[in-house]
Amino acid sequence: MRSIGLTGGIASGKSTVSKILAERGAVLIDADLLGHQTYEPGTETFAQVVAEFGNEIVAEDGTINRQVLGGLVFGHPDGMGRLTGIVWPGIRALAAAELARLDQAGTAVVV
């Protein structure tokens, strides 16, 4: 299986390139979507984020209130560093599991 990492800044064409590659048969793994999965209640990442930033980031429905969390990290390099230090290991673990699953399924190309 070939895996292709696709990165770039905002509005750099990642979505366009992803769509073209998917139309040609590549399977896409979206790190943004994996990031959202790490925040789900009951996950280790959820618990770590709440422990780091406090219960005030938990919404009434038990999910992380991303707006409140964003206010604590955007524009605050220390807060953003603490958050990414928690979230990225979870994203990497989910990506690795998905890559292994796709490899076993015989997928030829993953982006």
C-alpha atoms as a PDB file:
ATOM      1  CA  MET A   1       0.000   0.000   0.000  1.00  0.00           C
ATOM      2  CA  ARG A   2       1.222   3.482  -0.841  1.00  0.00           C
ATOM      3  CA  SER A   3       0.474   6.241   1.619  1.00  0.00           C
ATOM      4  CA  ILE A   4       0.712   9.872   0.574  1.00  0.00           C
ATOM      5  CA  GLY A   5       0.848  12.691   3.116  1.00  0.00           C
ATOM      6  CA  LEU A   6      -0.927  15.814   1.908  1.00  0.00           C
ATOM      7  CA  THR A   7      -0.271  19.008   3.830  1.00  0.00           C
ATOM      8  CA  GLY A   8      -0.575  22.717   3.252  1.00  0.00           C
ATOM      9  CA  GLY A   9      -1.880  25.933   4.659  1.00  0.00           C
ATOM     10  CA  ILE A  10      -5.408  27.256   4.554  1.00  0.00           C
ATOM     11  CA  ALA A  11      -6.735  27.598   0.979  1.00  0.00           C
ATOM     12  CA  SER A  12      -3.672  25.899  -0.508  1.00  0.00           C
ATOM     13  CA  GLY A  13      -5.657  23.349  -2.535  1.00  0.00           C
ATOM     14  CA  LYS A  14      -5.612  20.319  -0.240  1.00  0.00           C
ATOM     15  CA  SER A  15      -9.324  19.661  -0.736  1.00  0.00           C
ATOM     16  CA  THR A  16      -9.032  19.959  -4.503  1.00  0.00           C
ATOM     17  CA  VAL A  17      -6.067  17.587  -4.662  1.00  0.00           C
ATOM     18  CA  SER A  18      -7.782  15.165  -2.271  1.00  0.00           C
ATOM     19  CA  LYS A  19     -10.897  15.119  -4.451  1.00  0.00           C
ATOM     20  CA  ILE A  20      -8.858  14.429  -7.599  1.00  0.00           C
ATOM     21  CA  LEU A  21      -6.940  11.602  -5.924  1.00  0.00           C
ATOM     22  CA  ALA A  22     -10.162  10.106  -4.523  1.00  0.00           C
ATOM     23  CA  GLU A  23     -11.722  10.206  -7.993  1.00  0.00           C
ATOM     24  CA  ARG A  24      -8.729   8.144  -9.128  1.00  0.00           C
ATOM     25  CA  GLY A  25      -9.287   5.529  -6.427  1.00  0.00           C
ATOM     26  CA  ALA A  26      -7.283   6.744  -3.442  1.00  0.00           C
ATOM     27  CA  VAL A  27      -8.790   6.370   0.011  1.00  0.00           C
ATOM     28  CA  LEU A  28      -8.683   9.530   2.113  1.00  0.00           C
ATOM     29  CA  ILE A  29      -7.900   9.802   5.804  1.00  0.00           C
ATOM     30  CA  ASP A  30      -8.730  13.288   7.059  1.00  0.00           C
ATOM     31  CA  ALA A  31      -6.644  14.293  10.095  1.00  0.00           C
ATOM     32  CA  ASP A  32      -9.188  17.023  10.950  1.00  0.00           C
ATOM     33  CA  LEU A  33     -11.916  14.398  11.260  1.00  0.00           C
ATOM     34  CA  LEU A  34      -9.640  12.198  13.336  1.00  0.00           C
ATOM     35  CA  GLY A  35      -8.980  15.198  15.555  1.00  0.00           C
ATOM     36  CA  HIS A  36     -12.708  15.607  16.131  1.00  0.00           C
ATOM     37  CA  GLN A  37     -12.938  11.914  17.046  1.00  0.00           C
ATOM     38  CA  THR A  38     -10.260  12.327  19.725  1.00  0.00           C
ATOM     39  CA  TYR A  39     -12.491  14.866  21.493  1.00  0.00           C
ATOM     40  CA  GLU A  40     -15.417  12.453  21.868  1.00  0.00           C
ATOM     41  CA  PRO A  41     -16.562  11.812  25.446  1.00  0.00           C
ATOM     42  CA  GLY A  42     -15.145   8.638  26.895  1.00  0.00           C
ATOM     43  CA  THR A  43     -11.859   8.842  25.001  1.00  0.00           C
ATOM     44  CA  GLU A  44      -8.500   9.187  26.702  1.00  0.00           C
ATOM     45  CA  THR A  45      -7.894  12.438  24.836  1.00  0.00           C
ATOM     46  CA  PHE A  46     -11.206  13.891  26.058  1.00  0.00           C
ATOM     47  CA  ALA A  47     -10.222  13.119  29.652  1.00  0.00           C
ATOM     48  CA  GLN A  48      -6.756  14.617  29.201  1.00  0.00           C
ATOM     49  CA  VAL A  49      -8.080  17.811  27.583  1.00  0.00           C
ATOM     50  CA  VAL A  50     -10.628  18.309  30.367  1.00  0.00           C
ATOM     51  CA  ALA A  51      -7.984  17.614  33.017  1.00  0.00           C
ATOM     52  CA  GLU A  52      -5.669  20.171  31.404  1.00  0.00           C
ATOM     53  CA  PHE A  53      -8.179  22.959  30.672  1.00  0.00           C
ATOM     54  CA  GLY A  54     -10.879  22.400  33.287  1.00  0.00           C
ATOM     55  CA  ASN A  55     -14.507  21.338  33.472  1.00  0.00           C
ATOM     56  CA  GLU A  56     -15.658  24.703  32.111  1.00  0.00           C
ATOM     57  CA  ILE A  57     -14.845  23.439  28.605  1.00  0.00           C
ATOM     58  CA  VAL A  58     -17.462  20.676  28.923  1.00  0.00           C
ATOM     59  CA  ALA A  59     -20.833  21.636  27.439  1.00  0.00           C
ATOM     60  CA  GLU A  60     -24.176  20.693  28.975  1.00  0.00           C
ATOM     61  CA  ASP A  61     -24.439  17.718  26.613  1.00  0.00           C
ATOM     62  CA  GLY A  62     -21.131  16.313  27.918  1.00  0.00           C
ATOM     63  CA  THR A  63     -19.062  17.143  24.829  1.00  0.00           C
ATOM     64  CA  ILE A  64     -16.169  19.567  24.683  1.00  0.00           C
ATOM     65  CA  ASN A  65     -17.376  23.062  23.905  1.00  0.00           C
ATOM     66  CA  ARG A  66     -14.898  23.843  21.139  1.00  0.00           C
ATOM     67  CA  GLN A  67     -15.708  27.553  21.258  1.00  0.00           C
ATOM     68  CA  VAL A  68     -14.797  27.780  24.943  1.00  0.00           C
ATOM     69  CA  LEU A  69     -11.681  25.674  24.398  1.00  0.00           C
ATOM     70  CA  GLY A  70     -10.746  27.819  21.402  1.00  0.00           C
ATOM     71  CA  GLY A  71     -10.896  30.915  23.580  1.00  0.00           C
ATOM     72  CA  LEU A  72      -8.313  29.325  25.854  1.00  0.00           C
ATOM     73  CA  VAL A  73      -5.877  28.286  23.138  1.00  0.00           C
ATOM     74  CA  PHE A  74      -6.163  30.499  20.033  1.00  0.00           C
ATOM     75  CA  GLY A  75      -3.867  33.459  20.446  1.00  0.00           C
ATOM     76  CA  HIS A  76      -2.229  31.743  23.425  1.00  0.00           C
ATOM     77  CA  PRO A  77       0.847  29.821  22.215  1.00  0.00           C
ATOM     78  CA  ASP A  78       1.309  28.057  25.538  1.00  0.00           C
ATOM     79  CA  GLY A  79      -2.305  26.865  25.567  1.00  0.00           C
ATOM     80  CA  MET A  80      -2.151  25.769  21.943  1.00  0.00           C
ATOM     81  CA  GLY A  81       1.058  23.874  22.623  1.00  0.00           C
ATOM     82  CA  ARG A  82      -0.522  22.086  25.579  1.00  0.00           C
ATOM     83  CA  LEU A  83      -3.576  21.178  23.485  1.00  0.00           C
ATOM     84  CA  THR A  84      -1.637  19.870  20.492  1.00  0.00           C
ATOM     85  CA  GLY A  85       0.595  17.890  22.838  1.00  0.00           C
ATOM     86  CA  ILE A  86      -2.531  16.074  24.015  1.00  0.00           C
ATOM     87  CA  VAL A  87      -4.488  15.779  20.763  1.00  0.00           C
ATOM     88  CA  TRP A  88      -1.821  14.830  18.209  1.00  0.00           C
ATOM     89  CA  PRO A  89      -0.854  11.523  19.843  1.00  0.00           C
ATOM     90  CA  GLY A  90      -4.535  10.540  19.660  1.00  0.00           C
ATOM     91  CA  ILE A  91      -4.732  11.560  16.005  1.00  0.00           C
ATOM     92  CA  ARG A  92      -1.578   9.575  15.225  1.00  0.00           C
ATOM     93  CA  ALA A  93      -2.989   6.481  16.948  1.00  0.00           C
ATOM     94  CA  LEU A  94      -6.285   6.702  15.036  1.00  0.00           C
ATOM     95  CA  ALA A  95      -4.443   7.244  11.741  1.00  0.00           C
ATOM     96  CA  ALA A  96      -2.144   4.289  12.380  1.00  0.00           C
ATOM     97  CA  ALA A  97      -5.110   2.035  13.153  1.00  0.00           C
ATOM     98  CA  GLU A  98      -6.932   3.168  10.004  1.00  0.00           C
ATOM     99  CA  LEU A  99      -3.813   2.661   7.867  1.00  0.00           C
ATOM    100  CA  ALA A 100      -3.401  -0.862   9.249  1.00  0.00           C
ATOM    101  CA  ARG A 101      -7.059  -1.641   8.563  1.00  0.00           C
ATOM    102  CA  LEU A 102      -6.832  -0.319   4.994  1.00  0.00           C
ATOM    103  CA  ASP A 103      -3.599  -2.202   4.364  1.00  0.00           C
ATOM    104  CA  GLN A 104      -5.199  -5.454   5.484  1.00  0.00           C
ATOM    105  CA  ALA A 105      -8.186  -4.700   3.248  1.00  0.00           C
ATOM    106  CA  GLY A 106      -5.839  -4.499   0.261  1.00  0.00           C
ATOM    107  CA  THR A 107      -6.139  -0.754  -0.337  1.00  0.00           C
ATOM    108  CA  ALA A 108      -3.653   0.390  -2.976  1.00  0.00           C
ATOM    109  CA  VAL A 109      -3.317   4.128  -2.200  1.00  0.00           C
ATOM    110  CA  VAL A 110      -4.161   6.157   0.898  1.00  0.00           C
ATOM    111  CA  VAL A 111      -3.905   9.933   1.170  1.00  0.00           C
END
